[in-house]
């Protein structure tokens, strides 16, 4: 048996899906703007799903750390406007 949604719940779902789709498009566009250069091709090319997840409001630490590791090894990191860094709260606590 299913329960009927009231109009406000249906609107919230639509707004969330729209926001997620907008964020995915923005991440794909941003990754595509990092053009190949004499120094090489951007390390994030072809990994827009990972970078979209890392750009999320509160991504899992493992996702952000993986994206930051890719950025750190990228030959274009000095001029990239879409760089992901590790936040202090993403690091495991030190003993």
PDB file of N, CA and C in Angstrom:
ATOM      1  N   UNK A   1       0.828  -1.171   0.000  1.00  0.00           N
ATOM      2  CA  UNK A   1       0.000   0.000   0.000  1.00  0.00           C
ATOM      3  C   UNK A   1       0.879   1.244   0.000  1.00  0.00           C
ATOM      4  N   UNK A   2       0.523   2.187  -0.791  1.00  0.00           N
ATOM      5  CA  UNK A   2       1.293   3.422  -0.835  1.00  0.00           C
ATOM      6  C   UNK A   2       0.462   4.555  -0.277  1.00  0.00           C
ATOM      7  N   UNK A   3       1.154   5.531   0.265  1.00  0.00           N
ATOM      8  CA  UNK A   3       0.446   6.701   0.782  1.00  0.00           C
ATOM      9  C   UNK A   3       0.610   7.839  -0.204  1.00  0.00           C
ATOM     10  N   UNK A   4      -0.394   8.622  -0.304  1.00  0.00           N
ATOM     11  CA  UNK A   4      -0.352   9.758  -1.223  1.00  0.00           C
ATOM     12  C   UNK A   4       0.544  10.845  -0.645  1.00  0.00           C
ATOM     13  N   UNK A   5       1.304  11.472  -1.507  1.00  0.00           N
ATOM     14  CA  UNK A   5       2.137  12.589  -1.076  1.00  0.00           C
ATOM     15  C   UNK A   5       1.318  13.859  -1.136  1.00  0.00           C
ATOM     16  N   UNK A   6       1.576  14.728  -0.177  1.00  0.00           N
ATOM     17  CA  UNK A   6       0.929  16.030  -0.321  1.00  0.00           C
ATOM     18  C   UNK A   6       1.755  16.852  -1.314  1.00  0.00           C
ATOM     19  N   UNK A   7       1.190  17.886  -1.897  1.00  0.00           N
ATOM     20  CA  UNK A   7       1.888  18.653  -2.936  1.00  0.00           C
ATOM     21  C   UNK A   7       3.239  19.211  -2.501  1.00  0.00           C
ATOM     22  N   UNK A   8       3.390  19.551  -1.215  1.00  0.00           N
ATOM     23  CA  UNK A   8       4.671  20.116  -0.775  1.00  0.00           C
ATOM     24  C   UNK A   8       5.781  19.073  -0.822  1.00  0.00           C
ATOM     25  N   UNK A   9       5.478  17.806  -0.512  1.00  0.00           N
ATOM     26  CA  UNK A   9       6.486  16.752  -0.581  1.00  0.00           C
ATOM     27  C   UNK A   9       6.901  16.486  -2.021  1.00  0.00           C
ATOM     28  N   UNK A  10       5.939  16.480  -2.922  1.00  0.00           N
ATOM     29  CA  UNK A  10       6.252  16.260  -4.333  1.00  0.00           C
ATOM     30  C   UNK A  10       7.135  17.389  -4.851  1.00  0.00           C
ATOM     31  N   UNK A  11       6.863  18.607  -4.427  1.00  0.00           N
ATOM     32  CA  UNK A  11       7.674  19.751  -4.842  1.00  0.00           C
ATOM     33  C   UNK A  11       9.088  19.669  -4.305  1.00  0.00           C
ATOM     34  N   UNK A  12       9.242  19.181  -3.062  1.00  0.00           N
ATOM     35  CA  UNK A  12      10.573  19.041  -2.474  1.00  0.00           C
ATOM     36  C   UNK A  12      11.409  18.033  -3.257  1.00  0.00           C
ATOM     37  N   UNK A  13      10.792  16.902  -3.657  1.00  0.00           N
ATOM     38  CA  UNK A  13      11.506  15.896  -4.440  1.00  0.00           C
ATOM     39  C   UNK A  13      11.953  16.465  -5.780  1.00  0.00           C
ATOM     40  N   UNK A  14      11.074  17.208  -6.417  1.00  0.00           N
ATOM     41  CA  UNK A  14      11.404  17.807  -7.710  1.00  0.00           C
ATOM     42  C   UNK A  14      12.528  18.821  -7.563  1.00  0.00           C
ATOM     43  N   UNK A  15      12.471  19.635  -6.522  1.00  0.00           N
ATOM     44  CA  UNK A  15      13.516  20.637  -6.296  1.00  0.00           C
ATOM     45  C   UNK A  15      14.861  19.964  -6.037  1.00  0.00           C
ATOM     46  N   UNK A  16      14.857  18.873  -5.279  1.00  0.00           N
ATOM     47  CA  UNK A  16      16.099  18.158  -4.989  1.00  0.00           C
ATOM     48  C   UNK A  16      16.684  17.561  -6.266  1.00  0.00           C
ATOM     49  N   UNK A  17      15.834  16.923  -7.073  1.00  0.00           N
ATOM     50  CA  UNK A  17      16.309  16.337  -8.330  1.00  0.00           C
ATOM     51  C   UNK A  17      16.852  17.415  -9.261  1.00  0.00           C
ATOM     52  N   UNK A  18      16.198  18.557  -9.285  1.00  0.00           N
ATOM     53  CA  UNK A  18      16.658  19.661 -10.124  1.00  0.00           C
ATOM     54  C   UNK A  18      18.013  20.166  -9.650  1.00  0.00           C
ATOM     55  N   UNK A  19      18.181  20.302  -8.338  1.00  0.00           N
ATOM     56  CA  UNK A  19      19.456  20.779  -7.789  1.00  0.00           C
ATOM     57  C   UNK A  19      20.582  19.792  -8.082  1.00  0.00           C
ATOM     58  N   UNK A  20      20.300  18.505  -7.956  1.00  0.00           N
ATOM     59  CA  UNK A  20      21.314  17.484  -8.233  1.00  0.00           C
ATOM     60  C   UNK A  20      21.697  17.509  -9.711  1.00  0.00           C
ATOM     61  N   UNK A  21      20.709  17.617 -10.585  1.00  0.00           N
ATOM     62  CA  UNK A  21      20.989  17.671 -12.025  1.00  0.00           C
ATOM     63  C   UNK A  21      21.791  18.920 -12.377  1.00  0.00           C
ATOM     64  N   UNK A  22      21.459  20.047 -11.756  1.00  0.00           N
ATOM     65  CA  UNK A  22      22.178  21.295 -12.024  1.00  0.00           C
ATOM     66  C   UNK A  22      23.635  21.181 -11.573  1.00  0.00           C
ATOM     67  N   UNK A  23      23.861  20.574 -10.396  1.00  0.00           N
ATOM     68  CA  UNK A  23      25.217  20.410  -9.879  1.00  0.00           C
ATOM     69  C   UNK A  23      26.029  19.474 -10.782  1.00  0.00           C
ATOM     70  N   UNK A  24      25.401  18.414 -11.295  1.00  0.00           N
ATOM     71  CA  UNK A  24      26.097  17.488 -12.187  1.00  0.00           C
ATOM     72  C   UNK A  24      26.495  18.187 -13.486  1.00  0.00           C
ATOM     73  N   UNK A  25      25.596  19.004 -14.030  1.00  0.00           N
ATOM     74  CA  UNK A  25      25.925  19.744 -15.257  1.00  0.00           C
ATOM     75  C   UNK A  25      27.069  20.721 -15.008  1.00  0.00           C
ATOM     76  N   UNK A  26      27.051  21.391 -13.847  1.00  0.00           N
ATOM     77  CA  UNK A  26      28.106  22.353 -13.526  1.00  0.00           C
ATOM     78  C   UNK A  26      29.451  21.637 -13.384  1.00  0.00           C
ATOM     79  N   UNK A  27      29.461  20.464 -12.756  1.00  0.00           N
ATOM     80  CA  UNK A  27      30.705  19.715 -12.593  1.00  0.00           C
ATOM     81  C   UNK A  27      31.239  19.256 -13.941  1.00  0.00           C
ATOM     82  N   UNK A  28      30.357  18.766 -14.817  1.00  0.00           N
ATOM     83  CA  UNK A  28      30.801  18.337 -16.143  1.00  0.00           C
ATOM     84  C   UNK A  28      31.372  19.505 -16.931  1.00  0.00           C
ATOM     85  N   UNK A  29      30.704  20.664 -16.851  1.00  0.00           N
ATOM     86  CA  UNK A  29      31.203  21.849 -17.558  1.00  0.00           C
ATOM     87  C   UNK A  29      32.560  22.275 -17.008  1.00  0.00           C
ATOM     88  N   UNK A  30      32.703  22.276 -15.687  1.00  0.00           N
ATOM     89  CA  UNK A  30      33.953  22.727 -15.071  1.00  0.00           C
ATOM     90  C   UNK A  30      35.107  21.804 -15.439  1.00  0.00           C
ATOM     91  N   UNK A  31      34.869  20.502 -15.413  1.00  0.00           N
ATOM     92  CA  UNK A  31      35.929  19.558 -15.753  1.00  0.00           C
ATOM     93  C   UNK A  31      36.322  19.722 -17.217  1.00  0.00           C
ATOM     94  N   UNK A  32      35.341  19.989 -18.088  1.00  0.00           N
ATOM     95  CA  UNK A  32      35.647  20.168 -19.509  1.00  0.00           C
ATOM     96  C   UNK A  32      36.407  21.456 -19.790  1.00  0.00           C
ATOM     97  N   UNK A  33      36.348  22.431 -18.895  1.00  0.00           N
ATOM     98  CA  UNK A  33      37.052  23.690 -19.134  1.00  0.00           C
ATOM     99  C   UNK A  33      38.548  23.577 -18.884  1.00  0.00           C
ATOM    100  N   UNK A  34      38.968  22.528 -18.202  1.00  0.00           N
ATOM    101  CA  UNK A  34      40.394  22.327 -17.954  1.00  0.00           C
ATOM    102  C   UNK A  34      40.969  21.710 -19.227  1.00  0.00           C
ATOM    103  N   UNK A  35      41.452  22.552 -20.101  1.00  0.00           N
ATOM    104  CA  UNK A  35      41.895  22.109 -21.427  1.00  0.00           C
ATOM    105  C   UNK A  35      43.298  21.524 -21.380  1.00  0.00           C
ATOM    106  N   UNK A  36      43.593  20.598 -22.292  1.00  0.00           N
ATOM    107  CA  UNK A  36      44.953  20.072 -22.375  1.00  0.00           C
ATOM    108  C   UNK A  36      45.937  21.201 -22.675  1.00  0.00           C
ATOM    109  N   UNK A  37      47.118  21.081 -22.155  1.00  0.00           N
ATOM    110  CA  UNK A  37      48.148  22.099 -22.360  1.00  0.00           C
ATOM    111  C   UNK A  37      49.455  21.399 -22.720  1.00  0.00           C
ATOM    112  N   UNK A  38      50.475  22.183 -22.877  1.00  0.00           N
ATOM    113  CA  UNK A  38      51.790  21.632 -23.188  1.00  0.00           C
ATOM    114  C   UNK A  38      52.226  20.687 -22.070  1.00  0.00           C
ATOM    115  N   UNK A  39      51.803  20.989 -20.845  1.00  0.00           N
ATOM    116  CA  UNK A  39      52.196  20.171 -19.692  1.00  0.00           C
ATOM    117  C   UNK A  39      51.449  18.856 -19.621  1.00  0.00           C
ATOM    118  N   UNK A  40      50.334  18.702 -20.338  1.00  0.00           N
ATOM    119  CA  UNK A  40      49.601  17.440 -20.323  1.00  0.00           C
ATOM    120  C   UNK A  40      48.098  17.635 -20.271  1.00  0.00           C
ATOM    121  N   UNK A  41      47.400  16.552 -20.043  1.00  0.00           N
ATOM    122  CA  UNK A  41      45.945  16.545 -19.967  1.00  0.00           C
ATOM    123  C   UNK A  41      45.548  16.540 -18.494  1.00  0.00           C
ATOM    124  N   UNK A  42      44.466  17.218 -18.180  1.00  0.00           N
ATOM    125  CA  UNK A  42      43.994  17.277 -16.794  1.00  0.00           C
ATOM    126  C   UNK A  42      43.699  15.875 -16.269  1.00  0.00           C
ATOM    127  N   UNK A  43      44.081  15.620 -15.038  1.00  0.00           N
ATOM    128  CA  UNK A  43      43.866  14.311 -14.431  1.00  0.00           C
ATOM    129  C   UNK A  43      42.387  14.028 -14.185  1.00  0.00           C
ATOM    130  N   UNK A  44      41.565  15.066 -14.098  1.00  0.00           N
ATOM    131  CA  UNK A  44      40.144  14.875 -13.816  1.00  0.00           C
ATOM    132  C   UNK A  44      39.330  14.545 -15.063  1.00  0.00           C
ATOM    133  N   UNK A  45      39.931  14.612 -16.229  1.00  0.00           N
ATOM    134  CA  UNK A  45      39.215  14.332 -17.466  1.00  0.00           C
ATOM    135  C   UNK A  45      38.631  12.924 -17.412  1.00  0.00           C
ATOM    136  N   UNK A  46      37.346  12.825 -17.644  1.00  0.00           N
ATOM    137  CA  UNK A  46      36.677  11.530 -17.624  1.00  0.00           C
ATOM    138  C   UNK A  46      36.248  11.065 -16.244  1.00  0.00           C
ATOM    139  N   UNK A  47      36.487  11.859 -15.214  1.00  0.00           N
ATOM    140  CA  UNK A  47      36.117  11.466 -13.840  1.00  0.00           C
ATOM    141  C   UNK A  47      35.149  12.467 -13.227  1.00  0.00           C
ATOM    142  N   UNK A  48      34.241  12.997 -14.028  1.00  0.00           N
ATOM    143  CA  UNK A  48      33.353  14.046 -13.535  1.00  0.00           C
ATOM    144  C   UNK A  48      32.429  13.548 -12.445  1.00  0.00           C
ATOM    145  N   UNK A  49      32.073  12.258 -12.423  1.00  0.00           N
ATOM    146  CA  UNK A  49      31.185  11.749 -11.363  1.00  0.00           C
ATOM    147  C   UNK A  49      31.867  11.851  -9.995  1.00  0.00           C
ATOM    148  N   UNK A  50      33.146  11.511  -9.949  1.00  0.00           N
ATOM    149  CA  UNK A  50      33.890  11.623  -8.691  1.00  0.00           C
ATOM    150  C   UNK A  50      33.966  13.076  -8.246  1.00  0.00           C
ATOM    151  N   UNK A  51      34.262  13.980  -9.186  1.00  0.00           N
ATOM    152  CA  UNK A  51      34.394  15.388  -8.825  1.00  0.00           C
ATOM    153  C   UNK A  51      33.043  16.022  -8.512  1.00  0.00           C
ATOM    154  N   UNK A  52      31.972  15.508  -9.103  1.00  0.00           N
ATOM    155  CA  UNK A  52      30.635  15.964  -8.746  1.00  0.00           C
ATOM    156  C   UNK A  52      30.326  15.558  -7.313  1.00  0.00           C
ATOM    157  N   UNK A  53      30.673  14.326  -6.961  1.00  0.00           N
ATOM    158  CA  UNK A  53      30.444  13.856  -5.593  1.00  0.00           C
ATOM    159  C   UNK A  53      31.299  14.640  -4.596  1.00  0.00           C
ATOM    160  N   UNK A  54      32.519  14.981  -4.977  1.00  0.00           N
ATOM    161  CA  UNK A  54      33.402  15.743  -4.086  1.00  0.00           C
ATOM    162  C   UNK A  54      32.908  17.163  -3.883  1.00  0.00           C
ATOM    163  N   UNK A  55      32.178  17.706  -4.875  1.00  0.00           N
ATOM    164  CA  UNK A  55      31.652  19.068  -4.769  1.00  0.00           C
ATOM    165  C   UNK A  55      30.362  19.116  -3.950  1.00  0.00           C
ATOM    166  N   UNK A  56      29.800  17.962  -3.658  1.00  0.00           N
ATOM    167  CA  UNK A  56      28.562  17.883  -2.895  1.00  0.00           C
ATOM    168  C   UNK A  56      28.707  18.636  -1.574  1.00  0.00           C
ATOM    169  N   UNK A  57      27.585  19.038  -1.008  1.00  0.00           N
ATOM    170  CA  UNK A  57      27.599  19.817   0.228  1.00  0.00           C
ATOM    171  C   UNK A  57      28.364  19.127   1.350  1.00  0.00           C
ATOM    172  N   UNK A  58      28.157  17.840   1.522  1.00  0.00           N
ATOM    173  CA  UNK A  58      28.828  17.110   2.595  1.00  0.00           C
ATOM    174  C   UNK A  58      29.257  15.737   2.076  1.00  0.00           C
ATOM    175  N   UNK A  59      30.311  15.674   1.248  1.00  0.00           N
ATOM    176  CA  UNK A  59      30.715  14.388   0.676  1.00  0.00           C
ATOM    177  C   UNK A  59      31.398  13.511   1.718  1.00  0.00           C
ATOM    178  N   UNK A  60      31.369  12.204   1.515  1.00  0.00           N
ATOM    179  CA  UNK A  60      32.126  11.326   2.407  1.00  0.00           C
ATOM    180  C   UNK A  60      33.616  11.681   2.319  1.00  0.00           C
ATOM    181  N   UNK A  61      34.337  11.605   3.424  1.00  0.00           N
ATOM    182  CA  UNK A  61      35.760  11.964   3.400  1.00  0.00           C
ATOM    183  C   UNK A  61      36.559  11.188   2.356  1.00  0.00           C
ATOM    184  N   UNK A  62      36.240   9.918   2.146  1.00  0.00           N
ATOM    185  CA  UNK A  62      36.994   9.115   1.177  1.00  0.00           C
ATOM    186  C   UNK A  62      36.873   9.674  -0.237  1.00  0.00           C
ATOM    187  N   UNK A  63      35.702  10.187  -0.589  1.00  0.00           N
ATOM    188  CA  UNK A  63      35.485  10.758  -1.923  1.00  0.00           C
ATOM    189  C   UNK A  63      36.321  12.015  -2.093  1.00  0.00           C
ATOM    190  N   UNK A  64      36.274  12.887  -1.106  1.00  0.00           N
ATOM    191  CA  UNK A  64      37.025  14.144  -1.195  1.00  0.00           C
ATOM    192  C   UNK A  64      38.533  13.889  -1.198  1.00  0.00           C
ATOM    193  N   UNK A  65      38.995  12.931  -0.401  1.00  0.00           N
ATOM    194  CA  UNK A  65      40.424  12.603  -0.351  1.00  0.00           C
ATOM    195  C   UNK A  65      40.883  12.033  -1.693  1.00  0.00           C
ATOM    196  N   UNK A  66      40.061  11.166  -2.316  1.00  0.00           N
ATOM    197  CA  UNK A  66      40.422  10.602  -3.622  1.00  0.00           C
ATOM    198  C   UNK A  66      40.508  11.694  -4.688  1.00  0.00           C
ATOM    199  N   UNK A  67      39.525  12.591  -4.699  1.00  0.00           N
ATOM    200  CA  UNK A  67      39.542  13.690  -5.674  1.00  0.00           C
ATOM    201  C   UNK A  67      40.741  14.610  -5.434  1.00  0.00           C
ATOM    202  N   UNK A  68      41.056  14.883  -4.180  1.00  0.00           N
ATOM    203  CA  UNK A  68      42.202  15.743  -3.860  1.00  0.00           C
ATOM    204  C   UNK A  68      43.516  15.090  -4.277  1.00  0.00           C
ATOM    205  N   UNK A  69      43.603  13.768  -4.131  1.00  0.00           N
ATOM    206  CA  UNK A  69      44.818  13.063  -4.551  1.00  0.00           C
ATOM    207  C   UNK A  69      45.000  13.147  -6.063  1.00  0.00           C
ATOM    208  N   UNK A  70      43.898  13.052  -6.803  1.00  0.00           N
ATOM    209  CA  UNK A  70      43.968  13.187  -8.264  1.00  0.00           C
ATOM    210  C   UNK A  70      44.411  14.596  -8.626  1.00  0.00           C
ATOM    211  N   UNK A  71      43.847  15.596  -7.961  1.00  0.00           N
ATOM    212  CA  UNK A  71      44.226  16.990  -8.227  1.00  0.00           C
ATOM    213  C   UNK A  71      45.697  17.240  -7.897  1.00  0.00           C
ATOM    214  N   UNK A  72      46.176  16.651  -6.815  1.00  0.00           N
ATOM    215  CA  UNK A  72      47.559  16.878  -6.398  1.00  0.00           C
ATOM    216  C   UNK A  72      48.557  16.332  -7.416  1.00  0.00           C
ATOM    217  N   UNK A  73      48.167  15.291  -8.148  1.00  0.00           N
ATOM    218  CA  UNK A  73      49.066  14.694  -9.135  1.00  0.00           C
ATOM    219  C   UNK A  73      48.858  15.253 -10.542  1.00  0.00           C
ATOM    220  N   UNK A  74      47.931  16.180 -10.697  1.00  0.00           N
ATOM    221  CA  UNK A  74      47.592  16.721 -12.019  1.00  0.00           C
ATOM    222  C   UNK A  74      48.669  17.686 -12.510  1.00  0.00           C
ATOM    223  N   UNK A  75      49.056  17.576 -13.777  1.00  0.00           N
ATOM    224  CA  UNK A  75      50.068  18.495 -14.300  1.00  0.00           C
ATOM    225  C   UNK A  75      49.554  19.930 -14.466  1.00  0.00           C
ATOM    226  N   UNK A  76      48.238  20.113 -14.434  1.00  0.00           N
ATOM    227  CA  UNK A  76      47.659  21.446 -14.616  1.00  0.00           C
ATOM    228  C   UNK A  76      47.175  22.062 -13.303  1.00  0.00           C
ATOM    229  N   UNK A  77      47.571  21.507 -12.176  1.00  0.00           N
ATOM    230  CA  UNK A  77      47.020  21.940 -10.884  1.00  0.00           C
ATOM    231  C   UNK A  77      47.266  23.417 -10.569  1.00  0.00           C
ATOM    232  N   UNK A  78      48.336  23.988 -11.058  1.00  0.00           N
ATOM    233  CA  UNK A  78      48.658  25.386 -10.736  1.00  0.00           C
ATOM    234  C   UNK A  78      47.685  26.375 -11.368  1.00  0.00           C
ATOM    235  N   UNK A  79      47.105  26.017 -12.493  1.00  0.00           N
ATOM    236  CA  UNK A  79      46.213  26.947 -13.194  1.00  0.00           C
ATOM    237  C   UNK A  79      44.761  26.500 -13.204  1.00  0.00           C
ATOM    238  N   UNK A  80      44.436  25.443 -12.509  1.00  0.00           N
ATOM    239  CA  UNK A  80      43.078  24.889 -12.527  1.00  0.00           C
ATOM    240  C   UNK A  80      42.167  25.651 -11.568  1.00  0.00           C
ATOM    241  N   UNK A  81      40.986  25.977 -12.040  1.00  0.00           N
ATOM    242  CA  UNK A  81      40.007  26.650 -11.194  1.00  0.00           C
ATOM    243  C   UNK A  81      39.036  25.694 -10.538  1.00  0.00           C
ATOM    244  N   UNK A  82      39.206  24.410 -10.749  1.00  0.00           N
ATOM    245  CA  UNK A  82      38.280  23.407 -10.224  1.00  0.00           C
ATOM    246  C   UNK A  82      38.995  22.463  -9.266  1.00  0.00           C
ATOM    247  N   UNK A  83      40.007  22.952  -8.602  1.00  0.00           N
ATOM    248  CA  UNK A  83      40.843  22.117  -7.741  1.00  0.00           C
ATOM    249  C   UNK A  83      40.117  21.729  -6.455  1.00  0.00           C
ATOM    250  N   UNK A  84      40.264  20.471  -6.063  1.00  0.00           N
ATOM    251  CA  UNK A  84      39.691  19.957  -4.819  1.00  0.00           C
ATOM    252  C   UNK A  84      40.834  19.757  -3.841  1.00  0.00           C
ATOM    253  N   UNK A  85      40.659  20.238  -2.626  1.00  0.00           N
ATOM    254  CA  UNK A  85      41.673  20.057  -1.589  1.00  0.00           C
ATOM    255  C   UNK A  85      41.074  19.281  -0.429  1.00  0.00           C
ATOM    256  N   UNK A  86      41.930  18.761   0.414  1.00  0.00           N
ATOM    257  CA  UNK A  86      41.472  18.014   1.587  1.00  0.00           C
ATOM    258  C   UNK A  86      41.235  18.994   2.720  1.00  0.00           C
ATOM    259  N   UNK A  87      40.074  18.881   3.325  1.00  0.00           N
ATOM    260  CA  UNK A  87      39.773  19.707   4.494  1.00  0.00           C
ATOM    261  C   UNK A  87      40.302  18.997   5.736  1.00  0.00           C
ATOM    262  N   UNK A  88      40.629  19.740   6.748  1.00  0.00           N
ATOM    263  CA  UNK A  88      41.166  19.156   7.979  1.00  0.00           C
ATOM    264  C   UNK A  88      40.191  18.154   8.587  1.00  0.00           C
ATOM    265  N   UNK A  89      38.899  18.419   8.474  1.00  0.00           N
ATOM    266  CA  UNK A  89      37.915  17.503   9.067  1.00  0.00           C
ATOM    267  C   UNK A  89      37.796  16.193   8.290  1.00  0.00           C
ATOM    268  N   UNK A  90      38.337  16.138   7.051  1.00  0.00           N
ATOM    269  CA  UNK A  90      38.300  14.908   6.264  1.00  0.00           C
ATOM    270  C   UNK A  90      39.424  13.946   6.636  1.00  0.00           C
ATOM    271  N   UNK A  91      40.462  14.460   7.269  1.00  0.00           N
ATOM    272  CA  UNK A  91      41.601  13.625   7.632  1.00  0.00           C
ATOM    273  C   UNK A  91      41.281  12.788   8.858  1.00  0.00           C
ATOM    274  N   UNK A  92      41.827  11.568   8.924  1.00  0.00           N
ATOM    275  CA  UNK A  92      41.598  10.746  10.112  1.00  0.00           C
ATOM    276  C   UNK A  92      42.304  11.364  11.318  1.00  0.00           C
ATOM    277  N   UNK A  93      41.766  11.160  12.503  1.00  0.00           N
ATOM    278  CA  UNK A  93      42.406  11.738  13.697  1.00  0.00           C
ATOM    279  C   UNK A  93      43.783  11.122  13.928  1.00  0.00           C
ATOM    280  N   UNK A  94      44.693  11.941  14.389  1.00  0.00           N
ATOM    281  CA  UNK A  94      46.040  11.448  14.682  1.00  0.00           C
ATOM    282  C   UNK A  94      46.070  10.885  16.096  1.00  0.00           C
ATOM    283  N   UNK A  95      46.794   9.789  16.272  1.00  0.00           N
ATOM    284  CA  UNK A  95      46.837   9.157  17.616  1.00  0.00           C
ATOM    285  C   UNK A  95      47.654   9.939  18.606  1.00  0.00           C
TER     286      UNK A  95
END
